[in-house]
PDB file of N, CA and C in Angstrom:
ATOM      1  N   UNK A   1       0.832  -1.165   0.000  1.00  0.00           N
ATOM      2  CA  UNK A   1       0.000   0.000   0.000  1.00  0.00           C
ATOM      3  C   UNK A   1       0.885   1.240   0.000  1.00  0.00           C
ATOM      4  N   UNK A   2       0.475   2.211  -0.699  1.00  0.00           N
ATOM      5  CA  UNK A   2       1.207   3.471  -0.730  1.00  0.00           C
ATOM      6  C   UNK A   2       0.516   4.475   0.168  1.00  0.00           C
ATOM      7  N   UNK A   3       1.316   5.347   0.748  1.00  0.00           N
ATOM      8  CA  UNK A   3       0.766   6.421   1.571  1.00  0.00           C
ATOM      9  C   UNK A   3       1.678   7.630   1.461  1.00  0.00           C
ATOM     10  N   UNK A   4       1.164   8.766   1.870  1.00  0.00           N
ATOM     11  CA  UNK A   4       1.946   9.995   1.843  1.00  0.00           C
ATOM     12  C   UNK A   4       2.132  10.471   3.274  1.00  0.00           C
ATOM     13  N   UNK A   5       3.352  10.814   3.610  1.00  0.00           N
ATOM     14  CA  UNK A   5       3.655  11.348   4.932  1.00  0.00           C
ATOM     15  C   UNK A   5       4.109  12.790   4.793  1.00  0.00           C
ATOM     16  N   UNK A   6       3.658  13.615   5.694  1.00  0.00           N
ATOM     17  CA  UNK A   6       4.156  14.991   5.749  1.00  0.00           C
ATOM     18  C   UNK A   6       5.044  15.094   6.975  1.00  0.00           C
ATOM     19  N   UNK A   7       6.324  15.304   6.739  1.00  0.00           N
ATOM     20  CA  UNK A   7       7.298  15.385   7.818  1.00  0.00           C
ATOM     21  C   UNK A   7       7.998  16.733   7.759  1.00  0.00           C
ATOM     22  N   UNK A   8       8.383  17.256   8.909  1.00  0.00           N
ATOM     23  CA  UNK A   8       9.206  18.466   8.897  1.00  0.00           C
ATOM     24  C   UNK A   8      10.513  18.172   8.160  1.00  0.00           C
ATOM     25  N   UNK A   9      11.060  19.170   7.513  1.00  0.00           N
ATOM     26  CA  UNK A   9      12.293  18.989   6.736  1.00  0.00           C
ATOM     27  C   UNK A   9      13.410  18.380   7.579  1.00  0.00           C
ATOM     28  N   UNK A  10      13.564  18.863   8.805  1.00  0.00           N
ATOM     29  CA  UNK A  10      14.645  18.348   9.655  1.00  0.00           C
ATOM     30  C   UNK A  10      14.445  16.864   9.970  1.00  0.00           C
ATOM     31  N   UNK A  11      13.206  16.456  10.227  1.00  0.00           N
ATOM     32  CA  UNK A  11      12.919  15.053  10.499  1.00  0.00           C
ATOM     33  C   UNK A  11      13.232  14.205   9.278  1.00  0.00           C
ATOM     34  N   UNK A  12      12.850  14.679   8.111  1.00  0.00           N
ATOM     35  CA  UNK A  12      13.133  13.944   6.875  1.00  0.00           C
ATOM     36  C   UNK A  12      14.642  13.794   6.676  1.00  0.00           C
ATOM     37  N   UNK A  13      15.392  14.870   6.903  1.00  0.00           N
ATOM     38  CA  UNK A  13      16.854  14.790   6.742  1.00  0.00           C
ATOM     39  C   UNK A  13      17.455  13.789   7.727  1.00  0.00           C
ATOM     40  N   UNK A  14      16.963  13.824   8.983  1.00  0.00           N
ATOM     41  CA  UNK A  14      17.480  12.894   9.992  1.00  0.00           C
ATOM     42  C   UNK A  14      17.177  11.447   9.608  1.00  0.00           C
ATOM     43  N   UNK A  15      15.965  11.190   9.128  1.00  0.00           N
ATOM     44  CA  UNK A  15      15.604   9.841   8.690  1.00  0.00           C
ATOM     45  C   UNK A  15      16.469   9.385   7.530  1.00  0.00           C
ATOM     46  N   UNK A  16      16.670  10.271   6.567  1.00  0.00           N
ATOM     47  CA  UNK A  16      17.472   9.934   5.393  1.00  0.00           C
ATOM     48  C   UNK A  16      18.917   9.611   5.808  1.00  0.00           C
ATOM     49  N   UNK A  17      19.462  10.415   6.736  1.00  0.00           N
ATOM     50  CA  UNK A  17      20.828  10.157   7.202  1.00  0.00           C
ATOM     51  C   UNK A  17      20.905   8.822   7.945  1.00  0.00           C
ATOM     52  N   UNK A  18      19.901   8.519   8.758  1.00  0.00           N
ATOM     53  CA  UNK A  18      19.886   7.251   9.476  1.00  0.00           C
ATOM     54  C   UNK A  18      19.808   6.075   8.506  1.00  0.00           C
ATOM     55  N   UNK A  19      19.008   6.213   7.475  1.00  0.00           N
ATOM     56  CA  UNK A  19      18.903   5.150   6.464  1.00  0.00           C
ATOM     57  C   UNK A  19      20.264   4.923   5.797  1.00  0.00           C
ATOM     58  N   UNK A  20      20.950   5.998   5.464  1.00  0.00           N
ATOM     59  CA  UNK A  20      22.269   5.884   4.829  1.00  0.00           C
ATOM     60  C   UNK A  20      23.246   5.205   5.785  1.00  0.00           C
ATOM     61  N   UNK A  21      23.223   5.612   7.056  1.00  0.00           N
ATOM     62  CA  UNK A  21      24.123   5.011   8.046  1.00  0.00           C
ATOM     63  C   UNK A  21      23.879   3.512   8.189  1.00  0.00           C
ATOM     64  N   UNK A  22      22.625   3.104   8.098  1.00  0.00           N
ATOM     65  CA  UNK A  22      22.283   1.684   8.242  1.00  0.00           C
ATOM     66  C   UNK A  22      22.387   0.921   6.930  1.00  0.00           C
ATOM     67  N   UNK A  23      22.597   1.640   5.846  1.00  0.00           N
ATOM     68  CA  UNK A  23      22.743   0.979   4.548  1.00  0.00           C
ATOM     69  C   UNK A  23      21.437   0.440   4.002  1.00  0.00           C
ATOM     70  N   UNK A  24      20.334   1.110   4.313  1.00  0.00           N
ATOM     71  CA  UNK A  24      19.024   0.699   3.823  1.00  0.00           C
ATOM     72  C   UNK A  24      18.354   1.883   3.138  1.00  0.00           C
ATOM     73  N   UNK A  25      17.286   1.593   2.419  1.00  0.00           N
ATOM     74  CA  UNK A  25      16.539   2.682   1.785  1.00  0.00           C
ATOM     75  C   UNK A  25      15.644   3.339   2.841  1.00  0.00           C
ATOM     76  N   UNK A  26      15.196   4.530   2.532  1.00  0.00           N
ATOM     77  CA  UNK A  26      14.282   5.229   3.422  1.00  0.00           C
ATOM     78  C   UNK A  26      13.002   4.417   3.605  1.00  0.00           C
ATOM     79  N   UNK A  27      12.538   3.815   2.532  1.00  0.00           N
ATOM     80  CA  UNK A  27      11.338   2.973   2.586  1.00  0.00           C
ATOM     81  C   UNK A  27      11.533   1.815   3.562  1.00  0.00           C
ATOM     82  N   UNK A  28      12.681   1.138   3.480  1.00  0.00           N
ATOM     83  CA  UNK A  28      12.966   0.012   4.370  1.00  0.00           C
ATOM     84  C   UNK A  28      13.053   0.469   5.831  1.00  0.00           C
ATOM     85  N   UNK A  29      13.706   1.612   6.047  1.00  0.00           N
ATOM     86  CA  UNK A  29      13.844   2.135   7.403  1.00  0.00           C
ATOM     87  C   UNK A  29      12.482   2.455   8.007  1.00  0.00           C
ATOM     88  N   UNK A  30      11.638   3.147   7.257  1.00  0.00           N
ATOM     89  CA  UNK A  30      10.321   3.514   7.766  1.00  0.00           C
ATOM     90  C   UNK A  30       9.467   2.285   8.058  1.00  0.00           C
ATOM     91  N   UNK A  31       9.507   1.288   7.183  1.00  0.00           N
ATOM     92  CA  UNK A  31       8.743   0.060   7.416  1.00  0.00           C
ATOM     93  C   UNK A  31       9.228  -0.641   8.682  1.00  0.00           C
ATOM     94  N   UNK A  32      10.545  -0.719   8.866  1.00  0.00           N
ATOM     95  CA  UNK A  32      11.117  -1.367  10.041  1.00  0.00           C
ATOM     96  C   UNK A  32      10.718  -0.635  11.321  1.00  0.00           C
ATOM     97  N   UNK A  33      10.785   0.678  11.291  1.00  0.00           N
ATOM     98  CA  UNK A  33      10.431   1.474  12.466  1.00  0.00           C
ATOM     99  C   UNK A  33       8.949   1.301  12.803  1.00  0.00           C
ATOM    100  N   UNK A  34       8.089   1.339  11.808  1.00  0.00           N
ATOM    101  CA  UNK A  34       6.653   1.179  12.041  1.00  0.00           C
ATOM    102  C   UNK A  34       6.355  -0.224  12.572  1.00  0.00           C
ATOM    103  N   UNK A  35       6.942  -1.247  11.972  1.00  0.00           N
ATOM    104  CA  UNK A  35       6.715  -2.624  12.437  1.00  0.00           C
ATOM    105  C   UNK A  35       7.203  -2.815  13.869  1.00  0.00           C
ATOM    106  N   UNK A  36       8.339  -2.222  14.193  1.00  0.00           N
ATOM    107  CA  UNK A  36       8.884  -2.326  15.542  1.00  0.00           C
ATOM    108  C   UNK A  36       7.950  -1.669  16.551  1.00  0.00           C
ATOM    109  N   UNK A  37       7.448  -0.510  16.212  1.00  0.00           N
ATOM    110  CA  UNK A  37       6.532   0.197  17.108  1.00  0.00           C
ATOM    111  C   UNK A  37       5.232  -0.580  17.296  1.00  0.00           C
ATOM    112  N   UNK A  38       4.731  -1.173  16.230  1.00  0.00           N
ATOM    113  CA  UNK A  38       3.509  -1.972  16.331  1.00  0.00           C
ATOM    114  C   UNK A  38       3.718  -3.193  17.218  1.00  0.00           C
ATOM    115  N   UNK A  39       4.843  -3.862  17.076  1.00  0.00           N
ATOM    116  CA  UNK A  39       5.142  -5.031  17.902  1.00  0.00           C
ATOM    117  C   UNK A  39       5.266  -4.630  19.366  1.00  0.00           C
ATOM    118  N   UNK A  40       5.918  -3.514  19.616  1.00  0.00           N
ATOM    119  CA  UNK A  40       6.086  -3.028  20.990  1.00  0.00           C
ATOM    120  C   UNK A  40       4.740  -2.662  21.604  1.00  0.00           C
ATOM    121  N   UNK A  41       3.864  -2.061  20.827  1.00  0.00           N
ATOM    122  CA  UNK A  41       2.553  -1.648  21.324  1.00  0.00           C
ATOM    123  C   UNK A  41       1.700  -2.852  21.702  1.00  0.00           C
ATOM    124  N   UNK A  42       1.862  -3.962  21.018  1.00  0.00           N
ATOM    125  CA  UNK A  42       1.077  -5.159  21.315  1.00  0.00           C
ATOM    126  C   UNK A  42       1.448  -5.755  22.663  1.00  0.00           C
ATOM    127  N   UNK A  43       2.698  -5.585  23.089  1.00  0.00           N
ATOM    128  CA  UNK A  43       3.141  -6.164  24.350  1.00  0.00           C
ATOM    129  C   UNK A  43       2.949  -5.231  25.529  1.00  0.00           C
ATOM    130  N   UNK A  44       2.626  -3.981  25.276  1.00  0.00           N
ATOM    131  CA  UNK A  44       2.500  -3.035  26.378  1.00  0.00           C
ATOM    132  C   UNK A  44       1.074  -2.517  26.507  1.00  0.00           C
ATOM    133  N   UNK A  45       0.120  -3.391  26.278  1.00  0.00           N
ATOM    134  CA  UNK A  45      -1.270  -2.994  26.406  1.00  0.00           C
ATOM    135  C   UNK A  45      -1.594  -2.742  27.873  1.00  0.00           C
ATOM    136  N   UNK A  46      -2.195  -1.590  28.161  1.00  0.00           N
ATOM    137  CA  UNK A  46      -2.534  -1.312  29.555  1.00  0.00           C
ATOM    138  C   UNK A  46      -3.571  -2.302  30.072  1.00  0.00           C
ATOM    139  N   UNK A  47      -3.477  -2.613  31.325  1.00  0.00           N
ATOM    140  CA  UNK A  47      -4.446  -3.507  31.937  1.00  0.00           C
ATOM    141  C   UNK A  47      -4.041  -4.966  31.943  1.00  0.00           C
ATOM    142  N   UNK A  48      -3.005  -5.324  31.198  1.00  0.00           N
ATOM    143  CA  UNK A  48      -2.548  -6.713  31.206  1.00  0.00           C
ATOM    144  C   UNK A  48      -1.561  -6.887  32.342  1.00  0.00           C
ATOM    145  N   UNK A  49      -1.944  -7.638  33.338  1.00  0.00           N
ATOM    146  CA  UNK A  49      -1.058  -7.867  34.468  1.00  0.00           C
ATOM    147  C   UNK A  49      -0.874  -9.357  34.674  1.00  0.00           C
ATOM    148  N   UNK A  50       0.283  -9.697  35.130  1.00  0.00           N
ATOM    149  CA  UNK A  50       0.573 -11.086  35.467  1.00  0.00           C
ATOM    150  C   UNK A  50       0.400 -11.217  36.963  1.00  0.00           C
ATOM    151  N   UNK A  51      -0.367 -12.215  37.374  1.00  0.00           N
ATOM    152  CA  UNK A  51      -0.578 -12.424  38.799  1.00  0.00           C
ATOM    153  C   UNK A  51       0.270 -13.602  39.263  1.00  0.00           C
ATOM    154  N   UNK A  52       1.039 -13.365  40.287  1.00  0.00           N
ATOM    155  CA  UNK A  52       1.867 -14.399  40.871  1.00  0.00           C
ATOM    156  C   UNK A  52       1.212 -14.877  42.158  1.00  0.00           C
ATOM    157  N   UNK A  53       1.367 -16.150  42.474  1.00  0.00           N
ATOM    158  CA  UNK A  53       0.763 -16.643  43.719  1.00  0.00           C
ATOM    159  C   UNK A  53       1.483 -16.086  44.939  1.00  0.00           C
ATOM    160  N   UNK A  54       0.724 -15.887  46.003  1.00  0.00           N
ATOM    161  CA  UNK A  54       1.311 -15.468  47.278  1.00  0.00           C
ATOM    162  C   UNK A  54       1.599 -16.741  48.061  1.00  0.00           C
ATOM    163  N   UNK A  55       2.840 -16.879  48.473  1.00  0.00           N
ATOM    164  CA  UNK A  55       3.276 -18.108  49.139  1.00  0.00           C
ATOM    165  C   UNK A  55       3.668 -17.815  50.571  1.00  0.00           C
ATOM    166  N   UNK A  56       3.248 -18.682  51.472  1.00  0.00           N
ATOM    167  CA  UNK A  56       3.639 -18.557  52.873  1.00  0.00           C
ATOM    168  C   UNK A  56       4.948 -19.302  53.102  1.00  0.00           C
ATOM    169  N   UNK A  57       5.731 -18.769  54.004  1.00  0.00           N
ATOM    170  CA  UNK A  57       6.999 -19.400  54.346  1.00  0.00           C
ATOM    171  C   UNK A  57       7.130 -19.464  55.858  1.00  0.00           C
ATOM    172  N   UNK A  58       7.706 -20.554  56.344  1.00  0.00           N
ATOM    173  CA  UNK A  58       7.926 -20.700  57.791  1.00  0.00           C
ATOM    174  C   UNK A  58       8.948 -19.681  58.282  1.00  0.00           C
ATOM    175  N   UNK A  59       9.906 -19.353  57.412  1.00  0.00           N
ATOM    176  CA  UNK A  59      10.922 -18.351  57.737  1.00  0.00           C
ATOM    177  C   UNK A  59      10.843 -17.251  56.692  1.00  0.00           C
ATOM    178  N   UNK A  60      10.366 -16.054  57.076  1.00  0.00           N
ATOM    179  CA  UNK A  60      10.268 -14.970  56.097  1.00  0.00           C
ATOM    180  C   UNK A  60      11.597 -14.738  55.375  1.00  0.00           C
ATOM    181  N   UNK A  61      11.508 -14.545  54.086  1.00  0.00           N
ATOM    182  CA  UNK A  61      12.707 -14.324  53.282  1.00  0.00           C
ATOM    183  C   UNK A  61      13.277 -15.594  52.693  1.00  0.00           C
ATOM    184  N   UNK A  62      12.721 -16.734  53.071  1.00  0.00           N
ATOM    185  CA  UNK A  62      13.187 -18.003  52.520  1.00  0.00           C
ATOM    186  C   UNK A  62      11.996 -18.804  52.028  1.00  0.00           C
ATOM    187  N   UNK A  63      12.224 -19.640  51.078  1.00  0.00           N
ATOM    188  CA  UNK A  63      11.171 -20.495  50.556  1.00  0.00           C
ATOM    189  C   UNK A  63      11.829 -21.744  50.000  1.00  0.00           C
ATOM    190  N   UNK A  64      11.490 -22.868  50.550  1.00  0.00           N
ATOM    191  CA  UNK A  64      12.114 -24.123  50.140  1.00  0.00           C
ATOM    192  C   UNK A  64      11.064 -24.984  49.455  1.00  0.00           C
ATOM    193  N   UNK A  65      11.016 -24.908  48.118  1.00  0.00           N
ATOM    194  CA  UNK A  65      10.043 -25.671  47.338  1.00  0.00           C
ATOM    195  C   UNK A  65      10.759 -26.503  46.290  1.00  0.00           C
ATOM    196  N   UNK A  66      10.192 -27.649  45.991  1.00  0.00           N
ATOM    197  CA  UNK A  66      10.728 -28.461  44.902  1.00  0.00           C
ATOM    198  C   UNK A  66      10.148 -27.943  43.588  1.00  0.00           C
ATOM    199  N   UNK A  67      10.741 -28.358  42.474  1.00  0.00           N
ATOM    200  CA  UNK A  67      10.217 -27.967  41.165  1.00  0.00           C
ATOM    201  C   UNK A  67       8.778 -28.424  40.981  1.00  0.00           C
ATOM    202  N   UNK A  68       8.457 -29.605  41.488  1.00  0.00           N
ATOM    203  CA  UNK A  68       7.098 -30.134  41.372  1.00  0.00           C
ATOM    204  C   UNK A  68       6.114 -29.253  42.142  1.00  0.00           C
ATOM    205  N   UNK A  69       6.507 -28.796  43.329  1.00  0.00           N
ATOM    206  CA  UNK A  69       5.639 -27.921  44.125  1.00  0.00           C
ATOM    207  C   UNK A  69       5.433 -26.565  43.441  1.00  0.00           C
ATOM    208  N   UNK A  70       6.467 -26.049  42.846  1.00  0.00           N
ATOM    209  CA  UNK A  70       6.364 -24.778  42.115  1.00  0.00           C
ATOM    210  C   UNK A  70       5.433 -24.942  40.930  1.00  0.00           C
ATOM    211  N   UNK A  71       5.601 -26.015  40.185  1.00  0.00           N
ATOM    212  CA  UNK A  71       4.728 -26.298  39.026  1.00  0.00           C
ATOM    213  C   UNK A  71       3.274 -26.389  39.447  1.00  0.00           C
ATOM    214  N   UNK A  72       3.014 -27.047  40.566  1.00  0.00           N
ATOM    215  CA  UNK A  72       1.650 -27.199  41.069  1.00  0.00           C
ATOM    216  C   UNK A  72       1.049 -25.847  41.434  1.00  0.00           C
ATOM    217  N   UNK A  73       1.848 -24.969  42.042  1.00  0.00           N
ATOM    218  CA  UNK A  73       1.367 -23.640  42.411  1.00  0.00           C
ATOM    219  C   UNK A  73       1.035 -22.782  41.188  1.00  0.00           C
ATOM    220  N   UNK A  74       1.763 -22.966  40.120  1.00  0.00           N
ATOM    221  CA  UNK A  74       1.570 -22.132  38.920  1.00  0.00           C
ATOM    222  C   UNK A  74       0.449 -22.640  38.014  1.00  0.00           C
ATOM    223  N   UNK A  75      -0.063 -23.825  38.253  1.00  0.00           N
ATOM    224  CA  UNK A  75      -1.150 -24.344  37.395  1.00  0.00           C
ATOM    225  C   UNK A  75      -2.496 -24.163  38.037  1.00  0.00           C
TER     226      UNK A  75
END
């Protein structure tokens, strides 16, 4: 798909110089940057939290569990 971008002259010059430094075309650089940003946005969706189990320990600061016990807690 083709599209038109309006960029400030300084931004365009900076992009062009970066493309030259990386040895790629401006088109390749822009596609890579957009794809990278899209991938990053997918992993940083607000509201996605990982919940870890709360574990009791006989001695605070220590936890002596086998791999099997850890696996059981995580399932």
